[in-house]
Amino acid sequence: MKRDSRLSGVLHVLLHMAEIKGPVTSETMARAMQTNPVVVRRIMAGLREAGLVRSEKGHGGGWTIGRDLAAITLRDIYDALGQPDLFAIGNRTESPGCLVEQAVNAALDDSLAEAQALLLARFGAVTLAMLSADFHARMVASGRSVDLETNHAKL
């Protein structure tokens, strides 16, 4: 099963965007995410509807972050992406009348619901500002300069 990496990809691009003065085009983001600009625009449209980013058309246009980084949580972004499935595992449903299947599914449902609640609470506690601070600490420790254009130019 293919993993849904949109949350990770969007977080990656948003942190790069936070480092850039001015708008970032869909084409630039698409190179960084190794995807098509149409896919980027579709994803970013959901973030725009949630007020997390803004877009400007025309020459010099593109996408900018719409709020302070400390006011955007991973949960905000997850919700704006349409709340994709967090887990790849699920229940068997081939024999709904089977009492064993019912017991197994009930246990899995409870466990998965608890795990999802914990994960979503953690998403709500992590802000883009926290990720940005971690990124900056890593950049200083590495001695490198990091930006969207040079890091992803080979794409």
C-alpha atoms as a PDB file:
ATOM      1  CA  MET A   1       0.000   0.000   0.000  1.00  0.00           C
ATOM      2  CA  LYS A   2       1.344   3.390  -0.991  1.00  0.00           C
ATOM      3  CA  ARG A   3       1.816   5.859   1.839  1.00  0.00           C
ATOM      4  CA  ASP A   4       0.102   9.247   1.751  1.00  0.00           C
ATOM      5  CA  SER A   5       3.022  11.651   2.093  1.00  0.00           C
ATOM      6  CA  ARG A   6       1.110  14.877   1.407  1.00  0.00           C
ATOM      7  CA  LEU A   7       1.399  16.093   5.023  1.00  0.00           C
ATOM      8  CA  SER A   8       5.149  15.577   5.055  1.00  0.00           C
ATOM      9  CA  GLY A   9       5.540  17.155   1.616  1.00  0.00           C
ATOM     10  CA  VAL A  10       3.422  20.196   2.470  1.00  0.00           C
ATOM     11  CA  LEU A  11       5.279  20.722   5.751  1.00  0.00           C
ATOM     12  CA  HIS A  12       8.563  20.537   3.842  1.00  0.00           C
ATOM     13  CA  VAL A  13       7.454  23.158   1.328  1.00  0.00           C
ATOM     14  CA  LEU A  14       5.881  25.448   3.957  1.00  0.00           C
ATOM     15  CA  LEU A  15       9.122  25.521   5.940  1.00  0.00           C
ATOM     16  CA  HIS A  16      11.059  26.409   2.806  1.00  0.00           C
ATOM     17  CA  MET A  17       8.451  29.073   1.997  1.00  0.00           C
ATOM     18  CA  ALA A  18       8.972  30.576   5.455  1.00  0.00           C
ATOM     19  CA  GLU A  19      12.611  31.174   4.503  1.00  0.00           C
ATOM     20  CA  ILE A  20      11.831  32.936   1.233  1.00  0.00           C
ATOM     21  CA  LYS A  21      11.017  36.611   0.980  1.00  0.00           C
ATOM     22  CA  GLY A  22       8.038  36.860  -1.345  1.00  0.00           C
ATOM     23  CA  PRO A  23       5.747  34.427  -3.129  1.00  0.00           C
ATOM     24  CA  VAL A  24       6.752  30.930  -4.237  1.00  0.00           C
ATOM     25  CA  THR A  25       5.373  29.568  -7.498  1.00  0.00           C
ATOM     26  CA  SER A  26       3.581  26.249  -7.865  1.00  0.00           C
ATOM     27  CA  GLU A  27       6.289  25.201 -10.300  1.00  0.00           C
ATOM     28  CA  THR A  28       9.048  25.752  -7.730  1.00  0.00           C
ATOM     29  CA  MET A  29       7.112  23.824  -5.103  1.00  0.00           C
ATOM     30  CA  ALA A  30       6.367  21.029  -7.576  1.00  0.00           C
ATOM     31  CA  ARG A  31      10.091  20.553  -8.221  1.00  0.00           C
ATOM     32  CA  ALA A  32      10.703  20.360  -4.460  1.00  0.00           C
ATOM     33  CA  MET A  33       7.872  17.860  -3.952  1.00  0.00           C
ATOM     34  CA  GLN A  34       8.752  15.926  -7.123  1.00  0.00           C
ATOM     35  CA  THR A  35       5.244  16.266  -8.492  1.00  0.00           C
ATOM     36  CA  ASN A  36       3.199  18.230 -11.000  1.00  0.00           C
ATOM     37  CA  PRO A  37       2.333  21.919 -10.402  1.00  0.00           C
ATOM     38  CA  VAL A  38      -1.368  21.032 -10.787  1.00  0.00           C
ATOM     39  CA  VAL A  39      -1.068  18.684  -7.800  1.00  0.00           C
ATOM     40  CA  VAL A  40       0.592  21.469  -5.801  1.00  0.00           C
ATOM     41  CA  ARG A  41      -2.144  23.949  -6.707  1.00  0.00           C
ATOM     42  CA  ARG A  42      -4.829  21.464  -5.662  1.00  0.00           C
ATOM     43  CA  ILE A  43      -3.146  20.832  -2.306  1.00  0.00           C
ATOM     44  CA  MET A  44      -2.421  24.508  -1.709  1.00  0.00           C
ATOM     45  CA  ALA A  45      -6.031  25.439  -2.557  1.00  0.00           C
ATOM     46  CA  GLY A  46      -7.159  23.463   0.485  1.00  0.00           C
ATOM     47  CA  LEU A  47      -4.619  25.295   2.634  1.00  0.00           C
ATOM     48  CA  ARG A  48      -5.808  28.615   1.195  1.00  0.00           C
ATOM     49  CA  GLU A  49      -9.434  27.783   2.029  1.00  0.00           C
ATOM     50  CA  ALA A  50      -8.321  27.153   5.615  1.00  0.00           C
ATOM     51  CA  GLY A  51      -6.514  30.521   5.698  1.00  0.00           C
ATOM     52  CA  LEU A  52      -3.071  28.947   6.058  1.00  0.00           C
ATOM     53  CA  VAL A  53      -1.663  30.315   2.789  1.00  0.00           C
ATOM     54  CA  ARG A  54      -2.459  33.092   0.309  1.00  0.00           C
ATOM     55  CA  SER A  55      -2.016  33.190  -3.430  1.00  0.00           C
ATOM     56  CA  GLU A  56      -1.393  35.997  -5.874  1.00  0.00           C
ATOM     57  CA  LYS A  57      -1.781  35.649  -9.629  1.00  0.00           C
ATOM     58  CA  GLY A  58       0.306  37.172 -12.367  1.00  0.00           C
ATOM     59  CA  HIS A  59       3.919  38.218 -12.727  1.00  0.00           C
ATOM     60  CA  GLY A  60       5.623  38.068  -9.334  1.00  0.00           C
ATOM     61  CA  GLY A  61       2.728  36.045  -7.928  1.00  0.00           C
ATOM     62  CA  GLY A  62       2.695  32.746  -6.133  1.00  0.00           C
ATOM     63  CA  TRP A  63       1.996  31.366  -2.682  1.00  0.00           C
ATOM     64  CA  THR A  64       2.820  32.874   0.718  1.00  0.00           C
ATOM     65  CA  ILE A  65       2.143  31.699   4.247  1.00  0.00           C
ATOM     66  CA  GLY A  66      -1.055  33.300   5.524  1.00  0.00           C
ATOM     67  CA  ARG A  67      -0.451  33.299   9.274  1.00  0.00           C
ATOM     68  CA  ASP A  68       2.333  33.500  11.791  1.00  0.00           C
ATOM     69  CA  LEU A  69       4.165  30.169  11.989  1.00  0.00           C
ATOM     70  CA  ALA A  70       3.336  29.906  15.699  1.00  0.00           C
ATOM     71  CA  ALA A  71      -0.369  30.038  14.828  1.00  0.00           C
ATOM     72  CA  ILE A  72      -0.284  27.069  12.416  1.00  0.00           C
ATOM     73  CA  THR A  73      -0.260  23.543  13.834  1.00  0.00           C
ATOM     74  CA  LEU A  74       0.302  20.231  12.141  1.00  0.00           C
ATOM     75  CA  ARG A  75      -3.359  19.518  12.960  1.00  0.00           C
ATOM     76  CA  ASP A  76      -4.419  22.630  11.021  1.00  0.00           C
ATOM     77  CA  ILE A  77      -2.539  21.388   7.979  1.00  0.00           C
ATOM     78  CA  TYR A  78      -3.772  17.804   8.399  1.00  0.00           C
ATOM     79  CA  ASP A  79      -7.361  19.087   8.549  1.00  0.00           C
ATOM     80  CA  ALA A  80      -6.823  21.310   5.485  1.00  0.00           C
ATOM     81  CA  LEU A  81      -5.582  18.267   3.575  1.00  0.00           C
ATOM     82  CA  GLY A  82      -8.929  16.593   4.197  1.00  0.00           C
ATOM     83  CA  GLN A  83      -7.881  14.464   7.179  1.00  0.00           C
ATOM     84  CA  PRO A  84      -6.232  11.629   5.256  1.00  0.00           C
ATOM     85  CA  ASP A  85      -6.135   8.180   6.854  1.00  0.00           C
ATOM     86  CA  LEU A  86      -3.487   8.002   9.540  1.00  0.00           C
ATOM     87  CA  PHE A  87      -3.136   4.225   9.594  1.00  0.00           C
ATOM     88  CA  ALA A  88      -2.787   1.678   6.830  1.00  0.00           C
ATOM     89  CA  ILE A  89      -4.329  -1.119   8.876  1.00  0.00           C
ATOM     90  CA  GLY A  90      -8.021  -1.779   9.214  1.00  0.00           C
ATOM     91  CA  ASN A  91     -10.664  -4.334   9.982  1.00  0.00           C
ATOM     92  CA  ARG A  92     -11.561  -7.476   8.144  1.00  0.00           C
ATOM     93  CA  THR A  93     -15.151  -7.306   6.925  1.00  0.00           C
ATOM     94  CA  GLU A  94     -15.570 -10.535   4.979  1.00  0.00           C
ATOM     95  CA  SER A  95     -17.692 -12.255   7.668  1.00  0.00           C
ATOM     96  CA  PRO A  96     -19.674  -9.602   9.554  1.00  0.00           C
ATOM     97  CA  GLY A  97     -21.776 -12.269  11.279  1.00  0.00           C
ATOM     98  CA  CYS A  98     -18.709 -14.031  12.719  1.00  0.00           C
ATOM     99  CA  LEU A  99     -18.447 -13.415  16.465  1.00  0.00           C
ATOM    100  CA  VAL A 100     -14.651 -13.777  16.347  1.00  0.00           C
ATOM    101  CA  GLU A 101     -14.417 -11.121  13.632  1.00  0.00           C
ATOM    102  CA  GLN A 102     -16.703  -8.870  15.674  1.00  0.00           C
ATOM    103  CA  ALA A 103     -14.523  -9.239  18.794  1.00  0.00           C
ATOM    104  CA  VAL A 104     -11.317  -8.624  16.829  1.00  0.00           C
ATOM    105  CA  ASN A 105     -12.773  -5.596  15.033  1.00  0.00           C
ATOM    106  CA  ALA A 106     -14.066  -4.102  18.292  1.00  0.00           C
ATOM    107  CA  ALA A 107     -10.614  -4.395  19.869  1.00  0.00           C
ATOM    108  CA  LEU A 108      -8.921  -2.932  16.809  1.00  0.00           C
ATOM    109  CA  ASP A 109     -11.468  -0.108  16.568  1.00  0.00           C
ATOM    110  CA  ASP A 110     -10.859   0.879  20.192  1.00  0.00           C
ATOM    111  CA  SER A 111      -7.079   0.704  19.875  1.00  0.00           C
ATOM    112  CA  LEU A 112      -6.974   2.613  16.599  1.00  0.00           C
ATOM    113  CA  ALA A 113      -9.337   5.290  17.929  1.00  0.00           C
ATOM    114  CA  GLU A 114      -7.112   5.791  20.987  1.00  0.00           C
ATOM    115  CA  ALA A 115      -3.963   5.933  18.849  1.00  0.00           C
ATOM    116  CA  GLN A 116      -5.577   8.403  16.444  1.00  0.00           C
ATOM    117  CA  ALA A 117      -6.728  10.648  19.293  1.00  0.00           C
ATOM    118  CA  LEU A 118      -3.194  10.712  20.739  1.00  0.00           C
ATOM    119  CA  LEU A 119      -1.618  11.424  17.364  1.00  0.00           C
ATOM    120  CA  LEU A 120      -4.075  14.216  16.544  1.00  0.00           C
ATOM    121  CA  ALA A 121      -3.515  15.778  19.967  1.00  0.00           C
ATOM    122  CA  ARG A 122       0.225  15.749  19.260  1.00  0.00           C
ATOM    123  CA  PHE A 123      -0.384  17.293  15.827  1.00  0.00           C
ATOM    124  CA  GLY A 124      -2.292  20.063  17.608  1.00  0.00           C
ATOM    125  CA  ALA A 125       0.659  20.737  19.904  1.00  0.00           C
ATOM    126  CA  VAL A 126       3.307  21.075  17.176  1.00  0.00           C
ATOM    127  CA  THR A 127       3.490  24.383  15.308  1.00  0.00           C
ATOM    128  CA  LEU A 128       5.327  25.385  12.170  1.00  0.00           C
ATOM    129  CA  ALA A 129       7.359  27.727  14.386  1.00  0.00           C
ATOM    130  CA  MET A 130       8.585  24.702  16.348  1.00  0.00           C
ATOM    131  CA  LEU A 131       9.544  22.886  13.147  1.00  0.00           C
ATOM    132  CA  SER A 132      11.233  26.037  11.855  1.00  0.00           C
ATOM    133  CA  ALA A 133      13.268  26.344  15.061  1.00  0.00           C
ATOM    134  CA  ASP A 134      14.366  22.703  14.722  1.00  0.00           C
ATOM    135  CA  PHE A 135      15.290  23.309  11.081  1.00  0.00           C
ATOM    136  CA  HIS A 136      17.339  26.395  12.001  1.00  0.00           C
ATOM    137  CA  ALA A 137      19.175  24.489  14.729  1.00  0.00           C
ATOM    138  CA  ARG A 138      19.994  21.727  12.239  1.00  0.00           C
ATOM    139  CA  MET A 139      21.142  24.274   9.653  1.00  0.00           C
ATOM    140  CA  VAL A 140      23.458  25.976  12.146  1.00  0.00           C
ATOM    141  CA  ALA A 141      24.837  22.612  13.297  1.00  0.00           C
ATOM    142  CA  SER A 142      25.450  21.511   9.706  1.00  0.00           C
ATOM    143  CA  GLY A 143      27.115  24.778   8.672  1.00  0.00           C
ATOM    144  CA  ARG A 144      25.083  24.716   5.453  1.00  0.00           C
ATOM    145  CA  SER A 145      22.809  27.236   3.853  1.00  0.00           C
ATOM    146  CA  VAL A 146      19.482  25.730   2.916  1.00  0.00           C
ATOM    147  CA  ASP A 147      16.890  27.088   0.516  1.00  0.00           C
ATOM    148  CA  LEU A 148      14.217  25.742  -1.791  1.00  0.00           C
ATOM    149  CA  GLU A 149      15.937  26.673  -5.044  1.00  0.00           C
ATOM    150  CA  THR A 150      19.426  25.289  -4.372  1.00  0.00           C
ATOM    151  CA  ASN A 151      18.446  22.184  -2.417  1.00  0.00           C
ATOM    152  CA  HIS A 152      15.943  21.072  -5.012  1.00  0.00           C
ATOM    153  CA  ALA A 153      17.594  22.435  -8.160  1.00  0.00           C
ATOM    154  CA  LYS A 154      18.571  18.933  -9.261  1.00  0.00           C
ATOM    155  CA  LEU A 155      14.905  17.899  -9.410  1.00  0.00           C
END
